[in-house]
Amino acid sequence: MMPQERNGDEAMVILQTLLCVMREKNLLSRADIEDLCSRVAMRAAQAERDPIPCCAQAANAAAHEMAKIGDYIGKHYGGKHRRI
């Protein structure tokens, strides 16, 4: 069995890679990635009122990780920022 802190590492690697591949193939724009970052952060900020139950700590960790992924993809692949 895997240690508790490693649960989800495999899924994280798959999802990070999927986001990069989708951006590389222009299936996602930089604006799409920024929108996703924003939505994850919003969900983390409102975890206790979220209609889809989630752990507040996990939601905050997801928002932090998504911000790192968004920064990496933005720097590596470039593209136009989303309109606010």
PDB file of N, CA and C in Angstrom:
ATOM      1  N   MET A   1       0.814  -1.177   0.000  1.00  0.00           N
ATOM      2  CA  MET A   1       0.000   0.000   0.000  1.00  0.00           C
ATOM      3  C   MET A   1       0.867   1.253   0.000  1.00  0.00           C
ATOM      4  N   MET A   2       0.351   2.305  -0.598  1.00  0.00           N
ATOM      5  CA  MET A   2       1.115   3.551  -0.678  1.00  0.00           C
ATOM      6  C   MET A   2       0.880   4.384   0.574  1.00  0.00           C
ATOM      7  N   PRO A   3       1.870   5.196   0.973  1.00  0.00           N
ATOM      8  CA  PRO A   3       1.682   6.087   2.120  1.00  0.00           C
ATOM      9  C   PRO A   3       0.545   7.070   1.856  1.00  0.00           C
ATOM     10  N   GLN A   4      -0.101   7.502   2.935  1.00  0.00           N
ATOM     11  CA  GLN A   4      -1.256   8.400   2.835  1.00  0.00           C
ATOM     12  C   GLN A   4      -0.926   9.681   2.071  1.00  0.00           C
ATOM     13  N   GLU A   5       0.232  10.278   2.318  1.00  0.00           N
ATOM     14  CA  GLU A   5       0.567  11.553   1.665  1.00  0.00           C
ATOM     15  C   GLU A   5       0.803  11.411   0.163  1.00  0.00           C
ATOM     16  N   ARG A   6       0.961  10.208  -0.332  1.00  0.00           N
ATOM     17  CA  ARG A   6       1.196  10.005  -1.754  1.00  0.00           C
ATOM     18  C   ARG A   6      -0.090   9.692  -2.517  1.00  0.00           C
ATOM     19  N   ASN A   7      -1.188   9.556  -1.812  1.00  0.00           N
ATOM     20  CA  ASN A   7      -2.458   9.304  -2.487  1.00  0.00           C
ATOM     21  C   ASN A   7      -2.766  10.476  -3.405  1.00  0.00           C
ATOM     22  N   GLY A   8      -3.023  10.186  -4.650  1.00  0.00           N
ATOM     23  CA  GLY A   8      -3.357  11.238  -5.600  1.00  0.00           C
ATOM     24  C   GLY A   8      -2.180  11.747  -6.415  1.00  0.00           C
ATOM     25  N   ASP A   9      -0.948  11.392  -6.064  1.00  0.00           N
ATOM     26  CA  ASP A   9       0.213  11.857  -6.829  1.00  0.00           C
ATOM     27  C   ASP A   9       0.134  11.400  -8.284  1.00  0.00           C
ATOM     28  N   GLU A  10      -0.287  10.169  -8.485  1.00  0.00           N
ATOM     29  CA  GLU A  10      -0.370   9.645  -9.843  1.00  0.00           C
ATOM     30  C   GLU A  10      -1.409  10.426 -10.652  1.00  0.00           C
ATOM     31  N   ALA A  11      -2.536  10.694 -10.038  1.00  0.00           N
ATOM     32  CA  ALA A  11      -3.582  11.460 -10.718  1.00  0.00           C
ATOM     33  C   ALA A  11      -3.107  12.870 -11.031  1.00  0.00           C
ATOM     34  N   MET A  12      -2.352  13.467 -10.119  1.00  0.00           N
ATOM     35  CA  MET A  12      -1.843  14.821 -10.335  1.00  0.00           C
ATOM     36  C   MET A  12      -0.899  14.863 -11.536  1.00  0.00           C
ATOM     37  N   VAL A  13      -0.023  13.885 -11.642  1.00  0.00           N
ATOM     38  CA  VAL A  13       0.909  13.831 -12.776  1.00  0.00           C
ATOM     39  C   VAL A  13       0.137  13.686 -14.087  1.00  0.00           C
ATOM     40  N   ILE A  14      -0.870  12.837 -14.081  1.00  0.00           N
ATOM     41  CA  ILE A  14      -1.672  12.629 -15.291  1.00  0.00           C
ATOM     42  C   ILE A  14      -2.393  13.918 -15.671  1.00  0.00           C
ATOM     43  N   LEU A  15      -3.016  14.581 -14.712  1.00  0.00           N
ATOM     44  CA  LEU A  15      -3.762  15.809 -15.008  1.00  0.00           C
ATOM     45  C   LEU A  15      -2.851  16.956 -15.444  1.00  0.00           C
ATOM     46  N   GLN A  16      -1.685  17.085 -14.803  1.00  0.00           N
ATOM     47  CA  GLN A  16      -0.729  18.116 -15.229  1.00  0.00           C
ATOM     48  C   GLN A  16      -0.307  17.873 -16.672  1.00  0.00           C
ATOM     49  N   THR A  17       0.003  16.644 -16.991  1.00  0.00           N
ATOM     50  CA  THR A  17       0.427  16.296 -18.339  1.00  0.00           C
ATOM     51  C   THR A  17      -0.700  16.533 -19.340  1.00  0.00           C
ATOM     52  N   LEU A  18      -1.908  16.169 -18.966  1.00  0.00           N
ATOM     53  CA  LEU A  18      -3.063  16.376 -19.839  1.00  0.00           C
ATOM     54  C   LEU A  18      -3.272  17.859 -20.135  1.00  0.00           C
ATOM     55  N   LEU A  19      -3.181  18.710 -19.122  1.00  0.00           N
ATOM     56  CA  LEU A  19      -3.327  20.149 -19.347  1.00  0.00           C
ATOM     57  C   LEU A  19      -2.242  20.669 -20.295  1.00  0.00           C
ATOM     58  N   CYS A  20      -1.010  20.223 -20.098  1.00  0.00           N
ATOM     59  CA  CYS A  20       0.079  20.661 -20.972  1.00  0.00           C
ATOM     60  C   CYS A  20      -0.134  20.189 -22.413  1.00  0.00           C
ATOM     61  N   VAL A  21      -0.537  18.947 -22.591  1.00  0.00           N
ATOM     62  CA  VAL A  21      -0.764  18.419 -23.937  1.00  0.00           C
ATOM     63  C   VAL A  21      -1.909  19.173 -24.610  1.00  0.00           C
ATOM     64  N   MET A  22      -2.975  19.408 -23.865  1.00  0.00           N
ATOM     65  CA  MET A  22      -4.122  20.126 -24.438  1.00  0.00           C
ATOM     66  C   MET A  22      -3.744  21.558 -24.811  1.00  0.00           C
ATOM     67  N   ARG A  23      -2.898  22.193 -24.017  1.00  0.00           N
ATOM     68  CA  ARG A  23      -2.445  23.554 -24.345  1.00  0.00           C
ATOM     69  C   ARG A  23      -1.520  23.522 -25.560  1.00  0.00           C
ATOM     70  N   GLU A  24      -0.638  22.538 -25.594  1.00  0.00           N
ATOM     71  CA  GLU A  24       0.301  22.392 -26.697  1.00  0.00           C
ATOM     72  C   GLU A  24      -0.421  22.205 -28.026  1.00  0.00           C
ATOM     73  N   LYS A  25      -1.534  21.476 -27.994  1.00  0.00           N
ATOM     74  CA  LYS A  25      -2.302  21.222 -29.219  1.00  0.00           C
ATOM     75  C   LYS A  25      -3.351  22.303 -29.471  1.00  0.00           C
ATOM     76  N   ASN A  26      -3.296  23.374 -28.686  1.00  0.00           N
ATOM     77  CA  ASN A  26      -4.227  24.495 -28.796  1.00  0.00           C
ATOM     78  C   ASN A  26      -5.683  24.100 -28.573  1.00  0.00           C
ATOM     79  N   LEU A  27      -5.898  23.053 -27.793  1.00  0.00           N
ATOM     80  CA  LEU A  27      -7.252  22.690 -27.394  1.00  0.00           C
ATOM     81  C   LEU A  27      -7.697  23.568 -26.219  1.00  0.00           C
ATOM     82  N   LEU A  28      -6.727  24.057 -25.470  1.00  0.00           N
ATOM     83  CA  LEU A  28      -6.957  25.019 -24.400  1.00  0.00           C
ATOM     84  C   LEU A  28      -6.112  26.252 -24.684  1.00  0.00           C
ATOM     85  N   SER A  29      -6.671  27.410 -24.433  1.00  0.00           N
ATOM     86  CA  SER A  29      -5.906  28.649 -24.586  1.00  0.00           C
ATOM     87  C   SER A  29      -5.347  29.051 -23.218  1.00  0.00           C
ATOM     88  N   ARG A  30      -4.471  30.039 -23.234  1.00  0.00           N
ATOM     89  CA  ARG A  30      -3.960  30.564 -21.982  1.00  0.00           C
ATOM     90  C   ARG A  30      -5.117  31.123 -21.152  1.00  0.00           C
ATOM     91  N   ALA A  31      -6.077  31.755 -21.832  1.00  0.00           N
ATOM     92  CA  ALA A  31      -7.246  32.288 -21.139  1.00  0.00           C
ATOM     93  C   ALA A  31      -8.059  31.174 -20.484  1.00  0.00           C
ATOM     94  N   ASP A  32      -8.164  30.019 -21.137  1.00  0.00           N
ATOM     95  CA  ASP A  32      -8.868  28.876 -20.549  1.00  0.00           C
ATOM     96  C   ASP A  32      -8.179  28.418 -19.263  1.00  0.00           C
ATOM     97  N   ILE A  33      -6.867  28.348 -19.296  1.00  0.00           N
ATOM     98  CA  ILE A  33      -6.095  27.928 -18.123  1.00  0.00           C
ATOM     99  C   ILE A  33      -6.279  28.941 -16.999  1.00  0.00           C
ATOM    100  N   GLU A  34      -6.229  30.233 -17.329  1.00  0.00           N
ATOM    101  CA  GLU A  34      -6.419  31.274 -16.319  1.00  0.00           C
ATOM    102  C   GLU A  34      -7.825  31.199 -15.734  1.00  0.00           C
ATOM    103  N   ASP A  35      -8.825  30.908 -16.568  1.00  0.00           N
ATOM    104  CA  ASP A  35     -10.198  30.763 -16.085  1.00  0.00           C
ATOM    105  C   ASP A  35     -10.298  29.568 -15.141  1.00  0.00           C
ATOM    106  N   LEU A  36      -9.649  28.470 -15.492  1.00  0.00           N
ATOM    107  CA  LEU A  36      -9.643  27.292 -14.636  1.00  0.00           C
ATOM    108  C   LEU A  36      -8.991  27.607 -13.289  1.00  0.00           C
ATOM    109  N   CYS A  37      -7.879  28.325 -13.307  1.00  0.00           N
ATOM    110  CA  CYS A  37      -7.210  28.731 -12.062  1.00  0.00           C
ATOM    111  C   CYS A  37      -8.159  29.542 -11.188  1.00  0.00           C
ATOM    112  N   SER A  38      -8.853  30.469 -11.816  1.00  0.00           N
ATOM    113  CA  SER A  38      -9.789  31.325 -11.096  1.00  0.00           C
ATOM    114  C   SER A  38     -10.927  30.519 -10.477  1.00  0.00           C
ATOM    115  N   ARG A  39     -11.455  29.578 -11.221  1.00  0.00           N
ATOM    116  CA  ARG A  39     -12.566  28.759 -10.715  1.00  0.00           C
ATOM    117  C   ARG A  39     -12.132  27.862  -9.563  1.00  0.00           C
ATOM    118  N   VAL A  40     -10.936  27.306  -9.664  1.00  0.00           N
ATOM    119  CA  VAL A  40     -10.433  26.464  -8.571  1.00  0.00           C
ATOM    120  C   VAL A  40     -10.216  27.316  -7.326  1.00  0.00           C
ATOM    121  N   ALA A  41      -9.650  28.513  -7.494  1.00  0.00           N
ATOM    122  CA  ALA A  41      -9.432  29.407  -6.353  1.00  0.00           C
ATOM    123  C   ALA A  41     -10.760  29.827  -5.727  1.00  0.00           C
ATOM    124  N   MET A  42     -11.755  30.107  -6.548  1.00  0.00           N
ATOM    125  CA  MET A  42     -13.067  30.492  -6.045  1.00  0.00           C
ATOM    126  C   MET A  42     -13.693  29.332  -5.258  1.00  0.00           C
ATOM    127  N   ARG A  43     -13.549  28.147  -5.778  1.00  0.00           N
ATOM    128  CA  ARG A  43     -14.093  26.981  -5.079  1.00  0.00           C
ATOM    129  C   ARG A  43     -13.382  26.768  -3.749  1.00  0.00           C
ATOM    130  N   ALA A  44     -12.074  26.998  -3.716  1.00  0.00           N
ATOM    131  CA  ALA A  44     -11.321  26.848  -2.473  1.00  0.00           C
ATOM    132  C   ALA A  44     -11.757  27.896  -1.450  1.00  0.00           C
ATOM    133  N   ALA A  45     -12.020  29.114  -1.918  1.00  0.00           N
ATOM    134  CA  ALA A  45     -12.434  30.182  -1.014  1.00  0.00           C
ATOM    135  C   ALA A  45     -13.820  29.938  -0.425  1.00  0.00           C
ATOM    136  N   GLN A  46     -14.634  29.166  -1.125  1.00  0.00           N
ATOM    137  CA  GLN A  46     -16.004  28.911  -0.678  1.00  0.00           C
ATOM    138  C   GLN A  46     -16.236  27.423  -0.422  1.00  0.00           C
ATOM    139  N   ALA A  47     -15.211  26.726   0.036  1.00  0.00           N
ATOM    140  CA  ALA A  47     -15.282  25.267   0.189  1.00  0.00           C
ATOM    141  C   ALA A  47     -16.423  24.827   1.103  1.00  0.00           C
ATOM    142  N   GLU A  48     -16.684  25.589   2.157  1.00  0.00           N
ATOM    143  CA  GLU A  48     -17.730  25.178   3.099  1.00  0.00           C
ATOM    144  C   GLU A  48     -19.133  25.332   2.522  1.00  0.00           C
ATOM    145  N   ARG A  49     -19.295  26.177   1.488  1.00  0.00           N
ATOM    146  CA  ARG A  49     -20.602  26.385   0.864  1.00  0.00           C
ATOM    147  C   ARG A  49     -20.699  25.734  -0.510  1.00  0.00           C
ATOM    148  N   ASP A  50     -19.681  24.992  -0.890  1.00  0.00           N
ATOM    149  CA  ASP A  50     -19.636  24.376  -2.220  1.00  0.00           C
ATOM    150  C   ASP A  50     -20.721  23.306  -2.349  1.00  0.00           C
ATOM    151  N   PRO A  51     -21.516  23.356  -3.441  1.00  0.00           N
ATOM    152  CA  PRO A  51     -22.559  22.332  -3.622  1.00  0.00           C
ATOM    153  C   PRO A  51     -21.989  20.927  -3.842  1.00  0.00           C
ATOM    154  N   ILE A  52     -20.742  20.855  -4.298  1.00  0.00           N
ATOM    155  CA  ILE A  52     -20.066  19.569  -4.443  1.00  0.00           C
ATOM    156  C   ILE A  52     -19.116  19.461  -3.253  1.00  0.00           C
ATOM    157  N   PRO A  53     -19.412  18.606  -2.287  1.00  0.00           N
ATOM    158  CA  PRO A  53     -18.618  18.549  -1.059  1.00  0.00           C
ATOM    159  C   PRO A  53     -17.132  18.294  -1.328  1.00  0.00           C
ATOM    160  N   CYS A  54     -16.302  19.043  -0.618  1.00  0.00           N
ATOM    161  CA  CYS A  54     -14.856  18.828  -0.687  1.00  0.00           C
ATOM    162  C   CYS A  54     -14.229  19.319   0.610  1.00  0.00           C
ATOM    163  N   CYS A  55     -13.069  18.819   0.899  1.00  0.00           N
ATOM    164  CA  CYS A  55     -12.319  19.221   2.078  1.00  0.00           C
ATOM    165  C   CYS A  55     -11.690  20.587   1.807  1.00  0.00           C
ATOM    166  N   ALA A  56     -11.864  21.532   2.728  1.00  0.00           N
ATOM    167  CA  ALA A  56     -11.335  22.890   2.543  1.00  0.00           C
ATOM    168  C   ALA A  56      -9.818  22.867   2.357  1.00  0.00           C
ATOM    169  N   GLN A  57      -9.134  22.039   3.111  1.00  0.00           N
ATOM    170  CA  GLN A  57      -7.674  21.949   3.001  1.00  0.00           C
ATOM    171  C   GLN A  57      -7.267  21.425   1.619  1.00  0.00           C
ATOM    172  N   ALA A  58      -7.974  20.432   1.127  1.00  0.00           N
ATOM    173  CA  ALA A  58      -7.681  19.881  -0.199  1.00  0.00           C
ATOM    174  C   ALA A  58      -7.993  20.911  -1.281  1.00  0.00           C
ATOM    175  N   ALA A  59      -9.070  21.657  -1.111  1.00  0.00           N
ATOM    176  CA  ALA A  59      -9.429  22.683  -2.089  1.00  0.00           C
ATOM    177  C   ALA A  59      -8.370  23.781  -2.140  1.00  0.00           C
ATOM    178  N   ASN A  60      -7.849  24.181  -0.988  1.00  0.00           N
ATOM    179  CA  ASN A  60      -6.780  25.190  -0.959  1.00  0.00           C
ATOM    180  C   ASN A  60      -5.502  24.663  -1.601  1.00  0.00           C
ATOM    181  N   ALA A  61      -5.175  23.408  -1.336  1.00  0.00           N
ATOM    182  CA  ALA A  61      -3.993  22.796  -1.957  1.00  0.00           C
ATOM    183  C   ALA A  61      -4.179  22.723  -3.472  1.00  0.00           C
ATOM    184  N   ALA A  62      -5.392  22.398  -3.917  1.00  0.00           N
ATOM    185  CA  ALA A  62      -5.671  22.331  -5.352  1.00  0.00           C
ATOM    186  C   ALA A  62      -5.532  23.709  -5.995  1.00  0.00           C
ATOM    187  N   ALA A  63      -6.012  24.747  -5.324  1.00  0.00           N
ATOM    188  CA  ALA A  63      -5.893  26.109  -5.854  1.00  0.00           C
ATOM    189  C   ALA A  63      -4.426  26.513  -5.978  1.00  0.00           C
ATOM    190  N   HIS A  64      -3.625  26.170  -4.979  1.00  0.00           N
ATOM    191  CA  HIS A  64      -2.194  26.484  -5.022  1.00  0.00           C
ATOM    192  C   HIS A  64      -1.518  25.732  -6.172  1.00  0.00           C
ATOM    193  N   GLU A  65      -1.820  24.457  -6.306  1.00  0.00           N
ATOM    194  CA  GLU A  65      -1.222  23.648  -7.371  1.00  0.00           C
ATOM    195  C   GLU A  65      -1.658  24.139  -8.747  1.00  0.00           C
ATOM    196  N   MET A  66      -2.924  24.508  -8.886  1.00  0.00           N
ATOM    197  CA  MET A  66      -3.424  25.000 -10.173  1.00  0.00           C
ATOM    198  C   MET A  66      -2.749  26.311 -10.545  1.00  0.00           C
ATOM    199  N   ALA A  67      -2.497  27.159  -9.558  1.00  0.00           N
ATOM    200  CA  ALA A  67      -1.790  28.416  -9.828  1.00  0.00           C
ATOM    201  C   ALA A  67      -0.371  28.136 -10.342  1.00  0.00           C
ATOM    202  N   LYS A  68       0.306  27.153  -9.747  1.00  0.00           N
ATOM    203  CA  LYS A  68       1.651  26.788 -10.214  1.00  0.00           C
ATOM    204  C   LYS A  68       1.599  26.244 -11.634  1.00  0.00           C
ATOM    205  N   ILE A  69       0.620  25.393 -11.909  1.00  0.00           N
ATOM    206  CA  ILE A  69       0.475  24.825 -13.257  1.00  0.00           C
ATOM    207  C   ILE A  69       0.178  25.934 -14.258  1.00  0.00           C
ATOM    208  N   GLY A  70      -0.724  26.840 -13.896  1.00  0.00           N
ATOM    209  CA  GLY A  70      -1.068  27.958 -14.771  1.00  0.00           C
ATOM    210  C   GLY A  70       0.125  28.845 -15.080  1.00  0.00           C
ATOM    211  N   ASP A  71       0.932  29.123 -14.064  1.00  0.00           N
ATOM    212  CA  ASP A  71       2.143  29.927 -14.278  1.00  0.00           C
ATOM    213  C   ASP A  71       3.104  29.218 -15.227  1.00  0.00           C
ATOM    214  N   TYR A  72       3.305  27.924 -15.001  1.00  0.00           N
ATOM    215  CA  TYR A  72       4.222  27.165 -15.856  1.00  0.00           C
ATOM    216  C   TYR A  72       3.735  27.156 -17.305  1.00  0.00           C
ATOM    217  N   ILE A  73       2.461  26.821 -17.508  1.00  0.00           N
ATOM    218  CA  ILE A  73       1.919  26.741 -18.859  1.00  0.00           C
ATOM    219  C   ILE A  73       1.964  28.100 -19.538  1.00  0.00           C
ATOM    220  N   GLY A  74       1.644  29.154 -18.785  1.00  0.00           N
ATOM    221  CA  GLY A  74       1.690  30.501 -19.354  1.00  0.00           C
ATOM    222  C   GLY A  74       3.080  30.896 -19.810  1.00  0.00           C
ATOM    223  N   LYS A  75       4.083  30.570 -19.012  1.00  0.00           N
ATOM    224  CA  LYS A  75       5.466  30.908 -19.372  1.00  0.00           C
ATOM    225  C   LYS A  75       5.979  30.033 -20.519  1.00  0.00           C
ATOM    226  N   HIS A  76       5.618  28.755 -20.485  1.00  0.00           N
ATOM    227  CA  HIS A  76       6.154  27.816 -21.466  1.00  0.00           C
ATOM    228  C   HIS A  76       5.487  27.960 -22.837  1.00  0.00           C
ATOM    229  N   TYR A  77       4.148  28.101 -22.857  1.00  0.00           N
ATOM    230  CA  TYR A  77       3.429  28.115 -24.122  1.00  0.00           C
ATOM    231  C   TYR A  77       2.961  29.505 -24.548  1.00  0.00           C
ATOM    232  N   GLY A  78       2.960  30.462 -23.626  1.00  0.00           N
ATOM    233  CA  GLY A  78       2.531  31.817 -23.969  1.00  0.00           C
ATOM    234  C   GLY A  78       1.059  31.888 -24.301  1.00  0.00           C
ATOM    235  N   GLY A  79       0.695  32.885 -25.091  1.00  0.00           N
ATOM    236  CA  GLY A  79      -0.692  33.071 -25.486  1.00  0.00           C
ATOM    237  C   GLY A  79      -1.278  34.309 -24.869  1.00  0.00           C
ATOM    238  N   LYS A  80      -2.485  34.627 -25.276  1.00  0.00           N
ATOM    239  CA  LYS A  80      -3.156  35.822 -24.790  1.00  0.00           C
ATOM    240  C   LYS A  80      -3.818  35.538 -23.451  1.00  0.00           C
ATOM    241  N   HIS A  81      -3.748  36.564 -22.578  1.00  0.00           N
ATOM    242  CA  HIS A  81      -4.401  36.468 -21.275  1.00  0.00           C
ATOM    243  C   HIS A  81      -5.900  36.607 -21.457  1.00  0.00           C
ATOM    244  N   ARG A  82      -6.640  36.148 -20.475  1.00  0.00           N
ATOM    245  CA  ARG A  82      -8.091  36.282 -20.544  1.00  0.00           C
ATOM    246  C   ARG A  82      -8.510  37.727 -20.319  1.00  0.00           C
ATOM    247  N   ARG A  83      -9.670  38.046 -20.809  1.00  0.00           N
ATOM    248  CA  ARG A  83     -10.227  39.374 -20.594  1.00  0.00           C
ATOM    249  C   ARG A  83     -10.994  39.358 -19.290  1.00  0.00           C
ATOM    250  N   ILE A  84     -10.822  40.425 -18.539  1.00  0.00           N
ATOM    251  CA  ILE A  84     -11.500  40.500 -17.236  1.00  0.00           C
ATOM    252  C   ILE A  84     -12.634  41.479 -17.297  1.00  0.00           C
TER     253      ILE A  84
END
